[in-house]
Protein backbone atom coordinates (compact mmCIF):
# COMPACT_ATOMS: atom_id res chain seq x y z
CA MET A 1 -161.47 -38.39 -90.99
CA GLN A 2 -163.84 -36.40 -88.79
CA ILE A 3 -165.60 -33.52 -90.56
CA ASP A 4 -167.37 -30.74 -88.65
CA ARG A 5 -170.83 -30.73 -90.31
CA ARG A 6 -171.63 -27.13 -89.35
CA ALA A 7 -168.27 -25.84 -90.51
CA PHE A 8 -168.65 -27.69 -93.80
CA LEU A 9 -172.14 -26.26 -94.35
CA ALA A 10 -170.96 -22.76 -93.51
CA SER A 11 -168.21 -23.02 -96.11
CA ALA A 12 -170.69 -24.42 -98.62
CA VAL A 13 -173.03 -21.47 -98.11
CA ALA A 14 -170.16 -19.02 -98.39
CA ALA A 15 -169.30 -20.64 -101.69
CA GLY A 16 -172.89 -20.39 -102.88
CA ALA A 17 -173.45 -24.13 -102.90
CA LEU A 18 -176.53 -23.97 -100.69
CA ALA A 19 -179.46 -21.59 -100.77
CA GLY A 20 -181.36 -20.16 -97.84
CA CYS A 21 -180.55 -19.23 -94.26
CA LEU A 22 -177.93 -21.65 -92.95
CA GLY A 23 -179.06 -23.71 -89.99
CA SER A 24 -175.96 -22.95 -87.94
CA GLY A 25 -177.28 -20.92 -85.03
CA GLY A 26 -173.97 -19.10 -84.87
CA GLY A 27 -171.94 -16.32 -86.41
CA THR A 28 -172.78 -12.66 -86.71
CA GLY A 29 -175.66 -11.46 -88.80
CA GLY A 30 -177.85 -8.42 -89.29
CA ASN A 31 -180.85 -7.22 -87.27
CA GLY A 32 -178.82 -5.34 -84.71
CA ASP A 33 -177.68 -7.63 -81.90
CA GLU A 34 -178.54 -10.87 -83.67
CA ASN A 35 -176.38 -13.90 -84.30
CA GLY A 36 -176.88 -16.02 -87.38
CA SER A 37 -175.87 -16.78 -90.91
CA ASP A 38 -178.00 -15.69 -93.83
CA THR A 39 -177.44 -16.20 -97.53
CA GLY A 40 -179.50 -16.82 -100.60
CA GLY A 41 -181.30 -15.07 -103.42
CA ALA A 42 -181.01 -11.54 -104.61
CA ASP A 43 -183.32 -8.72 -103.60
CA ASP A 44 -186.27 -7.28 -105.53
CA GLY A 45 -188.02 -10.64 -105.65
CA ASN A 46 -185.38 -12.41 -107.72
CA ASP A 47 -184.21 -15.36 -105.64
CA SER A 48 -181.28 -17.47 -106.76
CA GLY A 49 -181.45 -20.81 -105.03
CA THR A 50 -180.91 -24.51 -105.19
CA ALA A 51 -183.71 -26.97 -105.78
CA SER A 52 -182.55 -30.34 -104.49
CA THR A 53 -184.34 -33.24 -106.13
CA THR A 54 -184.47 -36.67 -104.59
CA ALA A 55 -186.22 -39.93 -105.39
CA GLY A 56 -187.18 -42.20 -102.51
CA SER A 57 -187.78 -41.70 -98.81
CA GLN A 58 -184.60 -39.88 -97.82
CA ALA A 59 -183.89 -36.20 -98.36
CA SER A 60 -180.56 -36.42 -100.13
CA GLY A 61 -179.68 -36.54 -103.80
CA THR A 62 -178.70 -34.46 -106.77
CA THR A 63 -179.08 -30.72 -106.91
CA ALA A 64 -179.83 -28.29 -109.67
CA SER A 65 -179.19 -24.58 -109.39
CA GLY A 66 -181.58 -22.01 -110.75
CA SER A 67 -182.71 -18.39 -110.65
CA THR A 68 -186.40 -17.69 -110.14
CA ASN A 69 -188.64 -14.69 -109.93
CA ALA A 70 -191.22 -14.85 -107.12
CA THR A 71 -194.69 -13.50 -107.76
CA GLY A 72 -197.51 -12.87 -105.32
CA SER A 73 -201.25 -12.67 -105.00
CA THR A 74 -203.78 -12.30 -102.22
CA ASN A 75 -205.82 -15.03 -100.62
CA ALA A 76 -208.37 -15.69 -97.92
CA THR A 77 -208.89 -18.97 -96.13
CA GLY A 78 -210.74 -20.25 -93.10
CA SER A 79 -209.41 -21.73 -89.90
CA GLY A 80 -209.81 -25.20 -88.47
CA ARG A 81 -208.35 -28.29 -86.86
CA SER A 82 -208.12 -31.64 -88.60
CA THR A 83 -209.10 -34.94 -87.05
CA SER A 84 -208.07 -38.44 -88.08
CA SER A 85 -211.62 -39.33 -89.06
CA GLY A 86 -211.97 -36.48 -91.55
CA GLU A 87 -215.40 -35.43 -90.31
CA SER A 88 -216.36 -31.77 -90.32
CA THR A 89 -217.01 -30.34 -86.87
CA SER A 90 -217.16 -26.95 -85.22
CA ASN A 91 -217.03 -25.42 -81.75
CA GLY A 92 -217.94 -22.22 -80.03
CA ASN A 93 -214.74 -20.38 -80.86
CA GLY A 94 -215.09 -20.87 -84.61
CA SER A 95 -212.68 -23.75 -84.98
CA SER A 96 -213.69 -26.31 -87.60
CA THR A 97 -212.32 -29.43 -89.24
CA THR A 98 -212.56 -30.22 -92.92
CA VAL A 99 -210.98 -32.87 -95.11
CA GLY A 100 -210.76 -32.47 -98.88
CA SER A 101 -211.44 -28.75 -99.06
CA ALA A 102 -209.28 -25.71 -98.42
CA THR A 103 -209.03 -24.52 -94.85
CA ASN A 104 -206.43 -23.75 -92.20
CA GLY A 105 -205.84 -25.79 -89.12
CA THR A 106 -203.61 -27.75 -86.83
CA ALA A 107 -203.27 -31.46 -87.48
CA THR A 108 -204.64 -33.40 -84.52
CA GLY A 109 -205.16 -37.08 -84.01
CA THR A 110 -203.45 -39.01 -86.79
CA PRO A 111 -203.66 -37.21 -90.17
CA PRO A 112 -203.53 -39.38 -93.32
CA ALA A 113 -200.04 -38.09 -94.11
CA ALA A 114 -198.74 -39.79 -90.96
CA SER A 115 -198.59 -43.04 -92.95
CA ILE A 116 -195.94 -41.58 -95.29
CA ASP A 117 -192.51 -43.08 -94.61
CA HIS A 118 -190.37 -39.95 -94.53
CA PRO A 119 -188.72 -38.15 -91.58
CA ALA A 120 -190.14 -34.75 -92.63
CA VAL A 121 -193.66 -35.91 -91.72
CA ALA A 122 -192.69 -37.52 -88.41
CA ALA A 123 -194.90 -36.44 -85.48
CA LEU A 124 -197.08 -34.46 -87.87
CA ALA A 125 -200.02 -34.28 -85.46
CA GLY A 126 -200.18 -30.80 -83.97
CA GLN A 127 -198.61 -29.04 -86.94
CA PRO A 128 -200.36 -25.95 -88.37
CA TYR A 129 -201.34 -26.25 -92.01
CA ARG A 130 -203.18 -24.54 -94.84
CA GLY A 131 -205.46 -26.48 -97.15
CA PRO A 132 -206.96 -29.94 -96.74
CA THR A 133 -205.92 -32.18 -93.87
CA PRO A 134 -202.32 -33.31 -94.53
CA GLY A 135 -202.50 -36.36 -96.78
CA ALA A 136 -206.07 -35.73 -97.97
CA ALA A 137 -205.05 -33.62 -100.98
CA PRO A 138 -202.98 -35.03 -103.87
CA GLY A 139 -200.05 -32.75 -103.02
CA LEU A 140 -198.30 -32.10 -99.71
CA ILE A 141 -195.66 -29.46 -98.97
CA VAL A 142 -193.87 -29.66 -95.62
CA ALA A 143 -191.98 -26.43 -94.99
CA PHE A 144 -189.18 -25.91 -92.48
CA GLU A 145 -188.91 -22.19 -91.82
CA ASP A 146 -187.56 -19.59 -89.40
CA PRO A 147 -189.32 -16.24 -88.80
CA SER A 148 -185.91 -14.51 -88.71
CA CYS A 149 -184.69 -15.97 -92.03
CA THR A 150 -184.70 -13.42 -94.87
CA ASN A 151 -185.14 -16.05 -97.57
CA CYS A 152 -188.13 -17.38 -95.63
CA GLU A 153 -189.48 -13.84 -95.72
CA ARG A 154 -189.01 -13.74 -99.50
CA PHE A 155 -190.88 -17.01 -99.87
CA ASN A 156 -193.72 -15.98 -97.55
CA THR A 157 -194.27 -12.55 -99.07
CA GLY A 158 -193.52 -13.55 -102.67
CA THR A 159 -194.25 -17.19 -103.48
CA LEU A 160 -196.60 -18.40 -100.75
CA PRO A 161 -199.60 -16.19 -101.69
CA THR A 162 -199.54 -17.57 -105.25
CA LEU A 163 -199.05 -21.11 -104.04
CA GLU A 164 -202.06 -20.76 -101.76
CA ALA A 165 -204.25 -19.24 -104.45
CA GLU A 166 -203.31 -21.75 -107.15
CA LEU A 167 -202.86 -25.00 -105.21
CA VAL A 168 -203.96 -24.75 -101.59
CA GLU A 169 -207.32 -23.01 -101.87
CA PRO A 170 -208.51 -25.28 -104.73
CA GLY A 171 -207.61 -28.30 -102.59
CA GLU A 172 -204.77 -29.52 -104.82
CA ALA A 173 -202.13 -29.36 -102.09
CA THR A 174 -201.62 -28.86 -98.37
CA TYR A 175 -198.96 -26.58 -96.92
CA VAL A 176 -197.60 -27.60 -93.50
CA TYR A 177 -195.44 -25.30 -91.39
CA ARG A 178 -192.62 -26.63 -89.22
CA ASN A 179 -190.06 -24.74 -87.12
CA PHE A 180 -186.33 -24.83 -87.79
CA PRO A 181 -184.88 -22.06 -85.58
CA TYR A 182 -181.33 -21.44 -86.76
CA ALA A 183 -181.10 -18.19 -88.73
CA TYR A 184 -181.00 -15.32 -86.23
CA GLU A 185 -181.28 -15.61 -82.48
CA TRP A 186 -184.63 -13.82 -82.22
CA GLY A 187 -186.23 -16.56 -84.30
CA LYS A 188 -186.08 -18.92 -81.34
CA PRO A 189 -188.35 -16.93 -78.95
CA ALA A 190 -190.53 -16.08 -81.94
CA MET A 191 -191.13 -19.79 -82.53
CA GLN A 192 -191.95 -20.28 -78.87
CA ALA A 193 -194.55 -17.53 -79.26
CA LEU A 194 -195.92 -19.10 -82.44
CA GLU A 195 -196.41 -22.43 -80.66
CA ALA A 196 -198.05 -20.74 -77.67
CA THR A 197 -200.33 -18.83 -80.04
CA ASP A 198 -201.27 -21.89 -82.10
CA ALA A 199 -202.25 -23.73 -78.93
CA ARG A 200 -204.88 -21.04 -78.40
CA SER A 201 -205.98 -20.03 -81.91
CA GLU A 202 -205.07 -21.26 -85.40
CA ALA A 203 -206.19 -17.98 -86.95
CA ALA A 204 -204.01 -15.96 -84.58
CA PHE A 205 -201.06 -18.24 -85.34
CA TRP A 206 -201.21 -17.44 -89.07
CA GLU A 207 -201.67 -13.74 -88.34
CA LEU A 208 -198.58 -13.70 -86.11
CA LYS A 209 -196.53 -15.71 -88.60
CA THR A 210 -197.45 -13.26 -91.35
CA HIS A 211 -196.62 -10.34 -89.06
CA TYR A 212 -193.15 -11.70 -88.35
CA PHE A 213 -192.33 -11.94 -92.04
CA GLU A 214 -193.97 -8.68 -93.14
CA THR A 215 -192.13 -6.67 -90.46
CA GLN A 216 -189.07 -8.89 -90.13
CA SER A 217 -186.51 -6.08 -90.20
CA GLU A 218 -188.06 -4.50 -87.10
CA PHE A 219 -187.33 -7.46 -84.82
CA SER A 220 -184.29 -8.21 -82.68
CA ASN A 221 -183.53 -10.51 -79.78
CA SER A 222 -184.16 -7.67 -77.35
CA ASN A 223 -187.61 -6.68 -78.61
CA VAL A 224 -189.19 -9.75 -80.22
CA LEU A 225 -191.46 -10.75 -77.33
CA ASP A 226 -192.44 -7.16 -76.50
CA ARG A 227 -193.42 -6.55 -80.12
CA THR A 228 -195.19 -9.92 -80.24
CA GLN A 229 -197.26 -9.01 -77.19
CA GLU A 230 -198.15 -5.63 -78.68
CA PHE A 231 -199.29 -7.24 -81.92
CA LEU A 232 -201.37 -9.96 -80.29
CA ALA A 233 -202.98 -7.47 -77.90
CA SER A 234 -203.97 -5.10 -80.68
CA GLU A 235 -204.82 -7.54 -83.50
CA THR A 236 -206.27 -10.62 -81.77
CA ASP A 237 -208.55 -11.55 -78.88
CA LEU A 238 -205.88 -13.64 -77.15
CA ASP A 239 -204.41 -12.97 -73.73
CA ALA A 240 -201.20 -11.61 -75.21
CA ALA A 241 -199.39 -11.46 -71.86
CA ALA A 242 -200.15 -15.15 -71.24
CA VAL A 243 -198.81 -16.10 -74.69
CA VAL A 244 -195.56 -14.24 -74.04
CA ALA A 245 -195.27 -15.73 -70.56
CA ASP A 246 -195.53 -19.21 -72.09
CA ALA A 247 -192.93 -18.26 -74.70
CA GLU A 248 -190.53 -16.97 -72.05
CA ALA A 249 -191.02 -20.15 -70.02
CA LYS A 250 -190.55 -22.28 -73.17
CA LYS A 251 -193.74 -24.10 -72.30
CA PHE A 252 -193.99 -25.50 -75.83
CA ASP A 253 -190.31 -26.31 -76.23
CA ALA A 254 -191.12 -29.99 -76.84
CA ALA A 255 -193.18 -29.01 -79.90
CA VAL A 256 -190.32 -26.94 -81.29
CA GLN A 257 -187.88 -29.76 -80.63
CA ARG A 258 -190.08 -32.23 -82.52
CA ASP A 259 -189.78 -29.99 -85.57
CA ILE A 260 -186.03 -29.67 -85.18
CA ASP A 261 -185.68 -33.45 -84.86
CA ALA A 262 -187.85 -34.02 -87.94
CA GLY A 263 -185.86 -31.46 -89.93
CA GLU A 264 -182.47 -32.80 -88.95
CA ASN A 265 -183.53 -36.38 -89.64
CA ALA A 266 -184.86 -35.32 -93.04
CA GLY A 267 -181.60 -33.54 -93.87
CA VAL A 268 -182.50 -29.85 -93.46
CA VAL A 269 -179.34 -27.72 -93.57
CA SER A 270 -180.82 -24.33 -94.43
CA THR A 271 -184.11 -22.45 -94.38
CA PRO A 272 -186.47 -22.47 -96.04
CA THR A 273 -186.44 -26.14 -97.01
CA PHE A 274 -189.50 -27.88 -98.44
CA TYR A 275 -190.33 -31.57 -98.82
CA LEU A 276 -192.87 -32.31 -101.54
CA PHE A 277 -195.11 -35.37 -101.74
CA ARG A 278 -197.79 -36.49 -104.16
CA ASP A 279 -200.31 -39.27 -103.57
CA GLY A 280 -198.40 -40.38 -100.49
CA GLU A 281 -195.04 -40.64 -102.26
CA PHE A 282 -192.00 -38.45 -101.68
CA LEU A 283 -191.12 -36.39 -104.76
CA THR A 284 -188.36 -33.92 -104.05
CA GLU A 285 -186.67 -31.47 -101.71
CA ILE A 286 -186.60 -27.75 -102.56
CA ARG A 287 -184.24 -25.30 -100.88
CA GLY A 288 -184.44 -21.54 -100.88
CA ALA A 289 -187.04 -18.93 -101.83
CA GLN A 290 -188.01 -20.53 -105.12
CA SER A 291 -190.81 -19.27 -107.36
CA TYR A 292 -194.29 -20.74 -107.64
CA ASP A 293 -193.34 -22.34 -110.97
CA VAL A 294 -190.75 -24.54 -109.23
CA PHE A 295 -193.38 -25.94 -106.86
CA GLU A 296 -195.94 -26.35 -109.62
CA GLN A 297 -193.53 -28.29 -111.82
CA ALA A 298 -192.25 -30.42 -108.94
CA LEU A 299 -195.77 -31.42 -107.89
CA GLY A 300 -196.77 -32.13 -111.49
CA VAL A 301 -199.91 -29.97 -111.45
């Protein structure tokens, strides 16, 4: 019997079986003229979600429901690009590479994590990350997110600051961002802009990503690139018009598609979805805007 995967997932979300923003790319959602499907935790920082735990190399297994309270803290990190050799270098625009200590960057060459046999880390070179080069730290978190997803916003404004302060900055874990553009329609051009920004500046990429989540309710499909250009022009040194032109032309569409392929092959059905690894071994899959404690316990730190 043929089963429509999207229809099944939509019914599962409606029934509360899955947490996060459904990766359907259809339906009617909020944010004015947007299309999407969005479910998940409650407001006020209390996020009910599903943490899916799996043993082995594939992202499927048993699930356990839970209710968590996200907490936040502030952090400050540098910016850099990783190389496969792990040597520390720098250039005139302030970009640096560091292995084994906390930084930000974009994985270039072949990062150590590329040897992990799991679809979530496929084509990892070129992915923006926080912390040590992917695979250099004991822990690795690969996140599939959408700027327009409200549960992604809850994670980024609630849990991520604590995760960075407690695990990423001390060098215990690396956080890797990957696109999965299926919550609201404006998330798709936003991801094109993120890729175009990251190609020019890692620091500006993280600033724009943060801006999308902190002001998420102000975006729609009709204004996302205009607001993106305004932000980049006022808050960064980038040629904001050139970034938006690249986004409109989908110049970095291949990079977005690599993330989508990796997510679908790993089994992503909603955002945010996280794949956790320790010492090169796959540990578990976490879905939804879970609290820091869930990540800490899953990584065994």
